[in-house]
Amino acid sequence: MDKIATLKAKLKKTKGLWRIPILNELAKAYLPVDAVKSREYADKALALVVNTRKWNQKAMAYHNAAQANSKIGDYEQAAKLFDQAIQAAQNTSNIDFICQTFLDAGNNALLQINFSSAINYFHDALRIAESAGLQLAIYKATANIGMIYGRLGDFEKSLKYFHRALENARNVPAISLSHNYSNIGLVFTHLRNYEQALKYHHKAIEIQLKADPLSSFIGRYNNIGCTYIEMGELDKALEYFQKALRVAKKENSELDTANLLSNIGTIYVRQKQSQKAFKYLLKAEKLRRKIGDDLYLAITLSKIGDEYITIGEYKKAHRYLQEALQLAREVKASDQIKNIHDSFAQLYKAEGNYSKAFESLKKSQELMESIFSEKTQCAVSDFQARSQIEKLENENSLLKNKIKFQKLELSSMANSLYHKSEIISELRQNLGGDESQKKLINEKELNIEHIKDIFRAREDWLDFKNKFENTYPDFLSKLKKMYPALTKQELKICSLIKVNLTAPMIAQVLFLSRRNIENHRYRIRKKLRLSRGDDLFLFLDMLPLK
């Protein structure tokens, strides 16, 4: 809060447009502690910067406002602001910021459960990160794409992207790397490859232990416990759930403690150890009531009711199942309502009330048909999302290949221009100078093809220009619009830099001196407002972003 107080004091002494960067810093400082305040300062920054050409501050203000809205839960408004942040960021040379904005926009789309939009943002971030060699951004983008495919049930593609993330994991924070290994473990659990699942879960713990032995291992231990349950090794599962429970209690995490108490109680139910099962399930119930977690309270109450049926205490079973059913209806948990009707059927059967048992089974069957219909719709939606994402990926792949081919073609044309310019320069030298020092030019030295090259030079340049404009249709117009001070010659040099020609090669192609080109480059950098550390080629290569 010291930073916030300092910024507020500074803001009071500042007037006009000079307030914008301070307002942006305040929005950023408030984001982790008070999203509403963060949005308030971001909006103030936007009000001042929106009609200016201060692109860095404008992009920052839109980005801060988007982040704040996303944290508050207004994902739709956040999505609009992220798009405006991306649009403003395209006018800057801050590639790291541009890439991070795409990543944050993707995370916001994930919160909307809009997988196709999210994956589009992550692919944009990946494209920029790969061009700029930003390994951390490559890691984040590929890990997020892997997570999306995992959630859609396409585990093969999920693993492909998770492993690709690991290939770019240099300088990645250890906790993030540990999380990626854990995600791979979860995918292998879904694939029922438990040996590999345990290998990756243990690797996740190993990485986290080395980096921060005091950090929380609740999730890591819980994942291993769940894997052992899938394997049927209940004692091993119990061992890891108990480890996780000790950590959860130490950290005073009531939600994790309640979940783990419930997991342990469920294992004791499966092991037919009713006394221990009740001990843990009743503790879980108490915590669930305190937290106010109605869905999971309903699940816990249902488990307790089932156990009371097992030991023949039917009155208590009725009480617990009835409350569970009421809560499940309130939260509209169809799956759980069906399970509770199944439990009531078992209870009525145990009591010898077969008509009520049949009635409960009938309700369960009706719900099962409804749930099946819902799940079918979800499966169709997931399939459509996967199809849309695969279509986007194929389009991205085709576009990448097309651009790659066009870039190669342009580079080839540029190199051809360079070599022909060399020949023309040589001919000029041979034809110039003092009569006594002229080289004797015979047909071998100045053949007809060389002469044709001179006359084709202008034609070749026009071919190159047309090809360049076809490959990058918005580049020159966008550059001129963004930076109107650029001259025709400077735009020509920018196009040659974009196809990766060096300063000496550009000098040769344009028949200018090396010093002349360096002076042009200096003026271009100044007009583009690039700082000393900014790479001119990289900046031009990023345009246009969309």
Protein backbone atom coordinates (compact mmCIF):
# COMPACT_ATOMS: atom_id res chain seq x y z
CA MET A 1 0.00 0.00 0.00
CA ASP A 2 3.05 2.30 0.35
CA LYS A 3 3.34 2.41 -3.43
CA ILE A 4 -0.33 3.36 -3.77
CA ALA A 5 0.04 6.15 -1.18
CA THR A 6 3.12 7.50 -3.00
CA LEU A 7 1.32 7.46 -6.35
CA LYS A 8 -1.74 9.21 -4.90
CA ALA A 9 0.46 11.94 -3.43
CA LYS A 10 2.20 12.35 -6.78
CA LEU A 11 -1.17 12.51 -8.59
CA LYS A 12 -2.33 15.44 -6.42
CA LYS A 13 0.66 17.50 -7.55
CA THR A 14 0.27 16.64 -11.25
CA LYS A 15 -1.97 18.29 -13.82
CA GLY A 16 -3.23 17.63 -17.34
CA LEU A 17 -1.95 14.79 -19.52
CA TRP A 18 0.97 14.23 -17.14
CA ARG A 19 -1.55 12.47 -14.88
CA ILE A 20 -2.07 9.61 -17.38
CA PRO A 21 0.98 7.45 -16.50
CA ILE A 22 0.32 7.92 -12.76
CA LEU A 23 -3.33 6.90 -13.18
CA ASN A 24 -2.18 3.84 -15.13
CA GLU A 25 0.28 2.91 -12.39
CA LEU A 26 -2.46 3.29 -9.77
CA ALA A 27 -4.80 1.05 -11.80
CA LYS A 28 -2.07 -1.59 -12.00
CA ALA A 29 -1.20 -1.31 -8.27
CA TYR A 30 -4.86 -1.65 -7.20
CA LEU A 31 -5.62 -4.66 -9.44
CA PRO A 32 -4.47 -7.41 -7.02
CA VAL A 33 -6.21 -5.85 -3.99
CA ASP A 34 -9.24 -3.92 -5.26
CA ALA A 35 -10.44 -4.47 -8.83
CA VAL A 36 -13.19 -1.83 -8.54
CA LYS A 37 -10.64 0.85 -7.58
CA SER A 38 -8.35 -0.40 -10.35
CA ARG A 39 -11.15 0.07 -12.90
CA GLU A 40 -11.88 3.53 -11.52
CA TYR A 41 -8.30 4.72 -12.11
CA ALA A 42 -8.08 2.98 -15.51
CA ASP A 43 -11.26 4.78 -16.61
CA LYS A 44 -9.79 8.12 -15.50
CA ALA A 45 -6.65 7.41 -17.51
CA LEU A 46 -8.76 6.49 -20.56
CA ALA A 47 -10.79 9.72 -20.32
CA LEU A 48 -7.55 11.70 -20.61
CA VAL A 49 -5.69 9.60 -23.17
CA VAL A 50 -8.43 8.45 -25.55
CA ASN A 51 -8.15 11.38 -28.01
CA THR A 52 -4.36 11.60 -27.94
CA ARG A 53 -1.62 9.79 -29.89
CA LYS A 54 0.06 8.57 -26.70
CA TRP A 55 -0.19 4.97 -27.88
CA ASN A 56 1.78 3.32 -25.07
CA GLN A 57 -0.30 4.96 -22.35
CA LYS A 58 -3.53 4.46 -24.31
CA ALA A 59 -2.83 0.74 -24.75
CA MET A 60 -1.92 0.49 -21.05
CA ALA A 61 -5.14 2.21 -19.97
CA TYR A 62 -7.31 -0.10 -22.11
CA HIS A 63 -5.37 -3.11 -20.84
CA ASN A 64 -5.74 -2.07 -17.18
CA ALA A 65 -9.48 -1.43 -17.64
CA ALA A 66 -9.87 -4.83 -19.32
CA GLN A 67 -8.01 -6.63 -16.53
CA ALA A 68 -10.09 -4.92 -13.86
CA ASN A 69 -13.40 -5.72 -15.59
CA SER A 70 -12.32 -9.33 -16.05
CA LYS A 71 -11.48 -9.65 -12.36
CA ILE A 72 -14.81 -8.08 -11.37
CA GLY A 73 -16.58 -10.63 -13.61
CA ASP A 74 -17.72 -8.40 -16.49
CA TYR A 75 -16.04 -10.59 -19.10
CA GLU A 76 -17.97 -9.19 -22.05
CA GLN A 77 -16.86 -5.61 -21.34
CA ALA A 78 -13.33 -6.88 -20.67
CA ALA A 79 -13.27 -8.57 -24.10
CA LYS A 80 -14.17 -5.27 -25.83
CA LEU A 81 -11.48 -3.41 -23.87
CA PHE A 82 -8.85 -6.04 -24.64
CA ASP A 83 -9.57 -5.64 -28.37
CA GLN A 84 -9.13 -1.88 -28.02
CA ALA A 85 -5.90 -2.44 -26.07
CA ILE A 86 -4.60 -4.68 -28.89
CA GLN A 87 -5.55 -2.08 -31.51
CA ALA A 88 -3.74 0.68 -29.58
CA ALA A 89 -0.74 -1.57 -28.85
CA GLN A 90 -0.18 -2.13 -32.58
CA ASN A 91 0.97 1.50 -32.72
CA THR A 92 3.77 0.82 -30.23
CA SER A 93 7.09 -1.01 -30.45
CA ASN A 94 6.58 -2.87 -27.16
CA ILE A 95 6.37 -6.46 -28.45
CA ASP A 96 6.35 -7.96 -24.93
CA PHE A 97 3.33 -5.87 -23.97
CA ILE A 98 1.49 -6.70 -27.22
CA CYS A 99 2.08 -10.40 -26.67
CA GLN A 100 0.96 -10.23 -23.02
CA THR A 101 -2.23 -8.40 -24.05
CA PHE A 102 -3.15 -11.24 -26.42
CA LEU A 103 -2.45 -13.75 -23.62
CA ASP A 104 -4.61 -11.82 -21.12
CA ALA A 105 -7.41 -11.50 -23.71
CA GLY A 106 -7.23 -15.29 -24.15
CA ASN A 107 -7.48 -15.85 -20.40
CA ASN A 108 -10.55 -13.61 -20.28
CA ALA A 109 -12.14 -15.63 -23.12
CA LEU A 110 -11.43 -18.80 -21.09
CA LEU A 111 -13.38 -17.34 -18.19
CA GLN A 112 -16.27 -16.84 -20.64
CA ILE A 113 -15.91 -20.53 -21.64
CA ASN A 114 -15.35 -19.22 -25.17
CA PHE A 115 -12.71 -21.73 -26.22
CA SER A 116 -12.55 -20.84 -29.93
CA SER A 117 -11.98 -17.15 -29.15
CA ALA A 118 -9.44 -18.01 -26.44
CA ILE A 119 -7.43 -20.28 -28.71
CA ASN A 120 -7.44 -17.59 -31.41
CA TYR A 121 -5.90 -15.06 -28.99
CA PHE A 122 -3.36 -17.63 -27.78
CA HIS A 123 -2.36 -18.46 -31.37
CA ASP A 124 -1.90 -14.73 -32.10
CA ALA A 125 0.28 -14.47 -28.99
CA LEU A 126 2.20 -17.57 -30.09
CA ARG A 127 2.83 -16.16 -33.58
CA ILE A 128 4.20 -12.90 -32.20
CA ALA A 129 6.23 -14.66 -29.50
CA GLU A 130 7.81 -17.03 -32.03
CA SER A 131 8.72 -14.15 -34.35
CA ALA A 132 10.29 -12.19 -31.49
CA GLY A 133 11.84 -15.19 -29.73
CA LEU A 134 9.90 -14.57 -26.50
CA GLN A 135 10.25 -17.99 -24.86
CA LEU A 136 8.17 -17.26 -21.76
CA ALA A 137 5.28 -16.07 -23.95
CA ILE A 138 5.65 -19.16 -26.20
CA TYR A 139 5.47 -21.29 -23.05
CA LYS A 140 2.35 -19.53 -21.74
CA ALA A 141 0.54 -19.64 -25.11
CA THR A 142 1.24 -23.34 -25.77
CA ALA A 143 0.42 -24.34 -22.17
CA ASN A 144 -2.93 -22.51 -22.39
CA ILE A 145 -3.75 -24.12 -25.76
CA GLY A 146 -2.91 -27.51 -24.20
CA MET A 147 -5.27 -26.78 -21.32
CA ILE A 148 -8.11 -25.91 -23.72
CA TYR A 149 -7.71 -29.16 -25.64
CA GLY A 150 -7.64 -31.04 -22.32
CA ARG A 151 -10.93 -29.44 -21.28
CA LEU A 152 -12.44 -30.38 -24.65
CA GLY A 153 -11.32 -33.99 -24.21
CA ASP A 154 -8.80 -33.95 -27.07
CA PHE A 155 -6.01 -35.39 -24.93
CA GLU A 156 -3.66 -36.16 -27.82
CA LYS A 157 -3.51 -32.50 -28.87
CA SER A 158 -3.45 -31.42 -25.24
CA LEU A 159 -0.27 -33.46 -24.65
CA LYS A 160 1.25 -32.13 -27.89
CA TYR A 161 0.93 -28.52 -26.72
CA PHE A 162 1.91 -29.24 -23.10
CA HIS A 163 5.11 -30.91 -24.33
CA ARG A 164 5.74 -28.03 -26.70
CA ALA A 165 5.45 -25.73 -23.69
CA LEU A 166 8.11 -27.78 -21.90
CA GLU A 167 10.43 -27.35 -24.92
CA ASN A 168 10.26 -23.58 -24.31
CA ALA A 169 10.46 -23.74 -20.52
CA ARG A 170 13.80 -21.97 -20.07
CA ASN A 171 13.53 -19.09 -17.56
CA VAL A 172 9.94 -20.08 -16.75
CA PRO A 173 8.99 -19.61 -13.05
CA ALA A 174 9.24 -22.95 -11.27
CA ILE A 175 5.66 -22.84 -9.94
CA SER A 176 4.35 -22.37 -13.48
CA LEU A 177 6.54 -25.22 -14.74
CA SER A 178 5.35 -27.44 -11.90
CA HIS A 179 1.75 -26.62 -12.85
CA ASN A 180 2.42 -27.71 -16.45
CA TYR A 181 3.84 -31.07 -15.31
CA SER A 182 0.80 -31.51 -13.08
CA ASN A 183 -1.54 -30.82 -16.04
CA ILE A 184 0.26 -33.47 -18.10
CA GLY A 185 -0.24 -35.88 -15.19
CA LEU A 186 -3.98 -35.15 -15.18
CA VAL A 187 -4.17 -35.83 -18.94
CA PHE A 188 -2.44 -39.20 -18.47
CA THR A 189 -4.90 -40.01 -15.65
CA HIS A 190 -7.78 -39.37 -18.09
CA LEU A 191 -6.03 -41.64 -20.60
CA ARG A 192 -5.69 -44.28 -17.83
CA ASN A 193 -1.93 -44.31 -18.25
CA TYR A 194 -1.41 -44.19 -14.50
CA GLU A 195 2.31 -44.91 -14.54
CA GLN A 196 2.96 -41.84 -16.67
CA ALA A 197 0.45 -39.80 -14.64
CA LEU A 198 2.31 -40.54 -11.40
CA LYS A 199 5.66 -39.81 -13.06
CA TYR A 200 4.55 -36.29 -14.07
CA HIS A 201 2.78 -35.58 -10.77
CA HIS A 202 5.93 -36.51 -8.82
CA LYS A 203 8.04 -34.40 -11.19
CA ALA A 204 5.71 -31.46 -10.47
CA ILE A 205 6.32 -31.89 -6.73
CA GLU A 206 10.09 -32.24 -7.24
CA ILE A 207 10.28 -28.96 -9.21
CA GLN A 208 8.14 -27.11 -6.68
CA LEU A 209 10.15 -28.43 -3.72
CA LYS A 210 13.42 -27.21 -5.21
CA ALA A 211 12.01 -23.78 -6.03
CA ASP A 212 9.90 -23.07 -2.97
CA PRO A 213 9.68 -25.75 -0.26
CA LEU A 214 7.31 -23.52 1.73
CA SER A 215 4.72 -23.21 -1.07
CA SER A 216 1.45 -25.12 -1.02
CA PHE A 217 1.47 -28.76 -2.15
CA ILE A 218 -2.22 -29.41 -1.49
CA GLY A 219 -3.19 -29.71 -5.17
CA ARG A 220 -0.13 -31.80 -6.05
CA TYR A 221 -0.75 -34.36 -3.27
CA ASN A 222 -4.49 -34.40 -4.01
CA ASN A 223 -3.85 -35.17 -7.71
CA ILE A 224 -1.66 -38.16 -6.78
CA GLY A 225 -4.32 -39.35 -4.33
CA CYS A 226 -7.00 -39.17 -7.05
CA THR A 227 -4.74 -41.10 -9.45
CA TYR A 228 -4.31 -43.89 -6.86
CA ILE A 229 -8.10 -44.01 -6.41
CA GLU A 230 -8.46 -44.56 -10.18
CA MET A 231 -5.90 -47.38 -9.85
CA GLY A 232 -7.86 -48.92 -6.95
CA GLU A 233 -4.93 -48.47 -4.56
CA LEU A 234 -6.93 -46.97 -1.70
CA ASP A 235 -4.23 -47.11 0.98
CA LYS A 236 -1.84 -45.16 -1.25
CA ALA A 237 -4.60 -42.66 -2.05
CA LEU A 238 -5.26 -42.28 1.69
CA GLU A 239 -1.56 -41.60 2.32
CA TYR A 240 -1.50 -38.66 -0.12
CA PHE A 241 -4.87 -37.26 0.94
CA GLN A 242 -3.62 -37.24 4.55
CA LYS A 243 -0.46 -35.41 3.44
CA ALA A 244 -2.58 -32.82 1.63
CA LEU A 245 -4.90 -32.50 4.64
CA ARG A 246 -2.00 -31.72 6.99
CA VAL A 247 -0.87 -28.92 4.65
CA ALA A 248 -4.42 -27.58 4.26
CA LYS A 249 -4.90 -27.38 8.04
CA LYS A 250 -1.52 -25.72 8.49
CA GLU A 251 -2.47 -23.10 5.86
CA ASN A 252 -5.96 -22.64 7.37
CA SER A 253 -7.52 -23.40 3.98
CA GLU A 254 -11.07 -24.37 4.95
CA LEU A 255 -12.22 -25.19 1.42
CA ASP A 256 -9.28 -27.54 0.75
CA THR A 257 -9.67 -29.06 4.22
CA ALA A 258 -13.37 -29.78 3.58
CA ASN A 259 -12.61 -31.36 0.19
CA LEU A 260 -9.88 -33.58 1.62
CA LEU A 261 -11.96 -34.64 4.64
CA SER A 262 -14.67 -35.68 2.18
CA ASN A 263 -12.16 -37.58 -0.01
CA ILE A 264 -10.75 -39.45 3.01
CA GLY A 265 -14.25 -40.22 4.30
CA THR A 266 -15.17 -41.62 0.85
CA ILE A 267 -12.15 -43.95 0.91
CA TYR A 268 -13.18 -45.28 4.33
CA VAL A 269 -16.70 -45.85 2.94
CA ARG A 270 -15.19 -47.95 0.14
CA GLN A 271 -13.08 -49.83 2.69
CA LYS A 272 -16.25 -50.48 4.74
CA GLN A 273 -14.82 -48.67 7.80
CA SER A 274 -18.01 -46.85 8.83
CA GLN A 275 -16.72 -45.36 12.09
CA LYS A 276 -13.77 -43.65 10.35
CA ALA A 277 -15.96 -42.70 7.40
CA PHE A 278 -18.41 -40.87 9.69
CA LYS A 279 -15.57 -39.14 11.55
CA TYR A 280 -14.27 -37.49 8.37
CA LEU A 281 -17.58 -36.94 6.57
CA LEU A 282 -19.18 -35.24 9.59
CA LYS A 283 -16.15 -32.93 9.91
CA ALA A 284 -16.47 -32.14 6.19
CA GLU A 285 -20.21 -31.41 6.68
CA LYS A 286 -19.44 -28.95 9.49
CA LEU A 287 -16.92 -27.05 7.37
CA ARG A 288 -19.18 -27.05 4.29
CA ARG A 289 -21.95 -25.41 6.35
CA LYS A 290 -19.50 -22.78 7.61
CA ILE A 291 -18.22 -22.01 4.09
CA GLY A 292 -21.73 -21.98 2.59
CA ASP A 293 -20.82 -24.33 -0.24
CA ASP A 294 -24.32 -25.68 -1.00
CA LEU A 295 -23.47 -28.01 -3.90
CA TYR A 296 -20.69 -29.85 -2.11
CA LEU A 297 -22.62 -29.78 1.16
CA ALA A 298 -25.42 -31.63 -0.69
CA ILE A 299 -22.87 -34.21 -1.94
CA THR A 300 -21.42 -34.68 1.57
CA LEU A 301 -24.87 -34.99 3.15
CA SER A 302 -25.78 -37.59 0.52
CA LYS A 303 -22.65 -39.62 1.34
CA ILE A 304 -23.49 -39.49 5.06
CA GLY A 305 -27.07 -40.58 4.29
CA ASP A 306 -25.79 -43.52 2.23
CA GLU A 307 -23.53 -44.63 5.09
CA TYR A 308 -26.44 -44.46 7.55
CA ILE A 309 -28.36 -46.79 5.19
CA THR A 310 -25.40 -49.19 5.28
CA ILE A 311 -25.42 -49.38 9.11
CA GLY A 312 -29.26 -49.56 9.27
CA GLU A 313 -29.96 -46.14 10.84
CA TYR A 314 -32.79 -45.28 8.48
CA LYS A 315 -34.23 -42.24 10.31
CA LYS A 316 -30.89 -40.45 10.18
CA ALA A 317 -30.51 -41.51 6.54
CA HIS A 318 -33.92 -39.91 5.76
CA ARG A 319 -32.92 -36.65 7.44
CA TYR A 320 -29.59 -36.35 5.64
CA LEU A 321 -30.92 -37.37 2.23
CA GLN A 322 -33.91 -35.02 2.46
CA GLU A 323 -31.69 -32.01 3.22
CA ALA A 324 -29.29 -33.08 0.47
CA LEU A 325 -32.17 -33.26 -2.03
CA GLN A 326 -33.44 -29.80 -1.07
CA LEU A 327 -29.99 -28.23 -1.49
CA ALA A 328 -29.37 -30.04 -4.80
CA ARG A 329 -32.67 -28.71 -6.16
CA GLU A 330 -31.79 -25.17 -5.04
CA VAL A 331 -28.49 -25.24 -6.93
CA LYS A 332 -30.10 -27.16 -9.85
CA ALA A 333 -27.54 -29.98 -9.72
CA SER A 334 -29.31 -32.57 -11.90
CA ASP A 335 -26.63 -35.24 -11.51
CA GLN A 336 -26.75 -35.00 -7.75
CA ILE A 337 -30.58 -34.98 -7.61
CA LYS A 338 -30.58 -38.21 -9.62
CA ASN A 339 -28.01 -39.80 -7.27
CA ILE A 340 -30.06 -38.81 -4.21
CA HIS A 341 -33.21 -40.40 -5.74
CA ASP A 342 -31.14 -43.58 -6.23
CA SER A 343 -30.16 -43.39 -2.54
CA PHE A 344 -33.81 -42.95 -1.54
CA ALA A 345 -34.68 -46.03 -3.63
CA GLN A 346 -32.10 -48.05 -1.65
CA LEU A 347 -33.40 -46.64 1.63
CA TYR A 348 -37.06 -47.47 0.87
CA LYS A 349 -36.06 -50.93 -0.34
CA ALA A 350 -34.14 -51.52 2.94
CA GLU A 351 -37.26 -50.42 4.85
CA GLY A 352 -39.46 -52.75 2.77
CA ASN A 353 -41.41 -49.86 1.18
CA TYR A 354 -41.22 -51.11 -2.41
CA SER A 355 -43.80 -48.73 -3.91
CA LYS A 356 -41.81 -45.69 -2.76
CA ALA A 357 -38.58 -47.37 -3.85
CA PHE A 358 -40.10 -47.82 -7.35
CA GLU A 359 -41.29 -44.19 -7.33
CA SER A 360 -37.77 -42.97 -6.49
CA LEU A 361 -36.26 -45.14 -9.22
CA LYS A 362 -38.77 -43.76 -11.71
CA LYS A 363 -37.75 -40.18 -10.79
CA SER A 364 -34.12 -41.18 -11.14
CA GLN A 365 -34.79 -42.66 -14.59
CA GLU A 366 -36.61 -39.51 -15.77
CA LEU A 367 -33.71 -37.37 -14.59
CA MET A 368 -31.22 -39.70 -16.25
CA GLU A 369 -32.93 -39.15 -19.61
CA SER A 370 -32.85 -35.38 -19.05
CA ILE A 371 -29.17 -35.49 -18.02
CA PHE A 372 -28.35 -37.65 -21.04
CA SER A 373 -30.00 -35.05 -23.28
CA GLU A 374 -28.03 -32.24 -21.57
CA LYS A 375 -24.77 -34.17 -21.87
CA THR A 376 -25.49 -34.91 -25.51
CA GLN A 377 -25.97 -31.19 -26.13
CA CYS A 378 -22.73 -30.47 -24.23
CA ALA A 379 -20.93 -33.13 -26.27
CA VAL A 380 -22.25 -31.58 -29.48
CA SER A 381 -21.15 -28.12 -28.27
CA ASP A 382 -17.70 -29.49 -27.40
CA PHE A 383 -17.48 -31.20 -30.79
CA GLN A 384 -18.48 -27.96 -32.53
CA ALA A 385 -15.90 -26.04 -30.47
CA ARG A 386 -13.21 -28.61 -31.35
CA SER A 387 -14.20 -28.47 -35.03
CA GLN A 388 -14.09 -24.68 -35.00
CA ILE A 389 -10.71 -24.71 -33.24
CA GLU A 390 -9.31 -27.32 -35.65
CA LYS A 391 -10.56 -25.20 -38.56
CA LEU A 392 -8.84 -22.15 -37.06
CA GLU A 393 -5.64 -24.15 -36.52
CA ASN A 394 -5.72 -25.46 -40.10
CA GLU A 395 -6.34 -21.93 -41.40
CA ASN A 396 -3.48 -20.64 -39.22
CA SER A 397 -1.23 -23.42 -40.48
CA LEU A 398 -2.11 -22.74 -44.13
CA LEU A 399 -1.67 -19.02 -43.57
CA LYS A 400 1.70 -19.62 -41.90
CA ASN A 401 2.87 -21.76 -44.82
CA LYS A 402 1.57 -19.25 -47.36
CA ILE A 403 3.28 -16.35 -45.58
CA LYS A 404 6.47 -18.40 -45.23
CA PHE A 405 6.47 -19.13 -48.97
CA GLN A 406 5.69 -15.50 -49.83
CA LYS A 407 8.50 -14.31 -47.54
CA LEU A 408 10.95 -16.70 -49.21
CA GLU A 409 9.79 -15.51 -52.62
CA LEU A 410 10.22 -11.86 -51.57
CA SER A 411 13.67 -12.53 -50.11
CA SER A 412 14.65 -14.26 -53.34
CA MET A 413 13.41 -11.28 -55.39
CA ALA A 414 15.22 -8.85 -53.07
CA ASN A 415 18.45 -10.83 -53.40
CA SER A 416 18.04 -10.88 -57.15
CA LEU A 417 17.64 -7.09 -57.10
CA TYR A 418 20.80 -6.86 -55.02
CA HIS A 419 22.87 -9.02 -57.39
CA LYS A 420 21.60 -7.17 -60.48
CA SER A 421 22.40 -3.88 -58.77
CA GLU A 422 25.94 -5.15 -58.22
CA ILE A 423 26.28 -5.86 -61.95
CA ILE A 424 24.90 -2.41 -62.84
CA SER A 425 27.29 -0.73 -60.40
CA GLU A 426 30.17 -2.65 -61.94
CA LEU A 427 29.09 -1.57 -65.43
CA ARG A 428 28.84 2.04 -64.30
CA GLN A 429 32.35 1.87 -62.96
CA ASN A 430 33.61 0.32 -66.20
CA LEU A 431 31.88 2.99 -68.31
CA GLY A 432 32.95 5.91 -66.14
CA GLY A 433 36.28 7.52 -65.27
CA ASP A 434 39.17 8.95 -67.29
CA GLU A 435 39.56 7.78 -70.93
CA SER A 436 43.03 6.52 -70.22
CA GLN A 437 41.81 4.49 -67.23
CA LYS A 438 38.68 3.04 -68.89
CA LYS A 439 38.56 -0.67 -69.12
CA LEU A 440 38.39 -2.06 -72.57
CA ILE A 441 34.85 -3.34 -72.85
CA ASN A 442 34.40 -6.14 -75.29
CA GLU A 443 31.54 -8.55 -75.69
CA LYS A 444 32.92 -10.87 -73.02
CA GLU A 445 32.95 -8.10 -70.38
CA LEU A 446 29.73 -6.37 -71.40
CA ASN A 447 27.54 -9.00 -72.99
CA ILE A 448 23.99 -8.41 -74.17
CA GLU A 449 22.52 -9.99 -71.01
CA HIS A 450 24.28 -7.43 -68.83
CA ILE A 451 22.89 -4.62 -70.94
CA LYS A 452 19.38 -6.10 -70.66
CA ASP A 453 19.82 -6.17 -66.84
CA ILE A 454 20.27 -2.39 -66.85
CA PHE A 455 16.97 -1.84 -68.68
CA ARG A 456 15.15 -4.46 -66.52
CA ALA A 457 16.20 -2.89 -63.18
CA ARG A 458 13.23 -0.53 -62.95
CA GLU A 459 10.86 -3.29 -64.12
CA ASP A 460 12.28 -5.66 -61.45
CA TRP A 461 11.78 -3.07 -58.75
CA LEU A 462 8.14 -2.64 -59.75
CA ASP A 463 7.68 -6.45 -59.71
CA PHE A 464 9.18 -6.55 -56.22
CA LYS A 465 6.96 -3.67 -55.06
CA ASN A 466 3.81 -5.41 -56.39
CA LYS A 467 4.79 -8.72 -54.81
CA PHE A 468 5.54 -6.98 -51.50
CA GLU A 469 2.14 -5.26 -51.48
CA ASN A 470 0.39 -8.56 -52.24
CA THR A 471 2.20 -10.27 -49.37
CA TYR A 472 1.77 -7.40 -46.90
CA PRO A 473 -1.31 -5.56 -48.23
CA ASP A 474 -1.66 -3.22 -45.23
CA PHE A 475 1.99 -2.66 -44.40
CA LEU A 476 2.96 0.50 -46.29
CA SER A 477 -0.45 2.20 -45.98
CA LYS A 478 -0.64 1.40 -42.26
CA LEU A 479 2.93 2.54 -41.67
CA LYS A 480 2.28 5.82 -43.52
CA LYS A 481 -0.97 6.37 -41.61
CA MET A 482 0.66 5.70 -38.26
CA TYR A 483 3.80 7.69 -39.05
CA PRO A 484 2.87 10.32 -41.69
CA ALA A 485 6.31 11.96 -41.49
CA LEU A 486 7.92 9.00 -43.31
CA THR A 487 9.04 9.90 -46.86
CA LYS A 488 8.60 7.70 -49.97
CA GLN A 489 12.29 6.78 -49.84
CA GLU A 490 12.05 5.86 -46.15
CA LEU A 491 8.98 3.69 -46.84
CA LYS A 492 10.94 1.96 -49.61
CA ILE A 493 13.80 1.31 -47.16
CA CYS A 494 11.31 0.01 -44.56
CA SER A 495 9.97 -2.53 -47.07
CA LEU A 496 13.53 -3.76 -47.75
CA ILE A 497 14.30 -4.00 -44.02
CA LYS A 498 11.10 -6.02 -43.55
CA VAL A 499 12.38 -8.64 -46.03
CA ASN A 500 15.59 -8.75 -43.97
CA LEU A 501 18.05 -7.03 -46.32
CA THR A 502 21.12 -5.62 -44.58
CA ALA A 503 22.15 -1.95 -44.81
CA PRO A 504 24.93 -2.67 -47.38
CA MET A 505 22.48 -4.67 -49.53
CA ILE A 506 19.86 -1.90 -49.36
CA ALA A 507 22.54 0.62 -50.35
CA GLN A 508 23.42 -1.51 -53.38
CA VAL A 509 19.78 -2.05 -54.43
CA LEU A 510 18.92 1.67 -54.19
CA PHE A 511 22.27 2.84 -55.62
CA LEU A 512 22.97 4.87 -52.50
CA SER A 513 26.00 5.01 -50.22
CA ARG A 514 26.15 2.93 -47.04
CA ARG A 515 26.36 6.14 -45.01
CA ASN A 516 23.25 7.47 -46.76
CA ILE A 517 21.31 4.32 -45.77
CA GLU A 518 22.52 4.55 -42.16
CA ASN A 519 21.31 8.17 -42.03
CA HIS A 520 17.94 7.07 -43.41
CA ARG A 521 17.73 4.27 -40.79
CA TYR A 522 18.50 6.80 -38.04
CA ARG A 523 15.72 9.12 -39.25
CA ILE A 524 13.29 6.20 -39.61
CA ARG A 525 13.97 5.05 -36.02
CA LYS A 526 13.42 8.62 -34.79
CA LYS A 527 10.11 8.95 -36.67
CA LEU A 528 8.95 5.55 -35.38
CA ARG A 529 9.84 6.72 -31.85
CA LEU A 530 12.00 3.66 -31.20
CA SER A 531 14.28 3.61 -28.19
CA ARG A 532 17.93 2.51 -28.36
CA GLY A 533 17.12 -1.07 -27.34
CA ASP A 534 14.30 -1.55 -29.88
CA ASP A 535 15.02 -3.71 -32.92
CA LEU A 536 13.94 -1.95 -36.15
CA PHE A 537 13.57 -5.17 -38.16
CA LEU A 538 11.53 -6.81 -35.36
CA PHE A 539 9.25 -3.76 -35.07
CA LEU A 540 8.59 -3.72 -38.83
CA ASP A 541 8.20 -7.50 -38.93
CA MET A 542 5.37 -7.28 -36.38
CA LEU A 543 3.30 -4.93 -38.57
CA PRO A 544 0.46 -5.43 -39.27
CA LEU A 545 -0.44 -7.58 -36.24
CA LYS A 546 -3.93 -8.52 -37.38
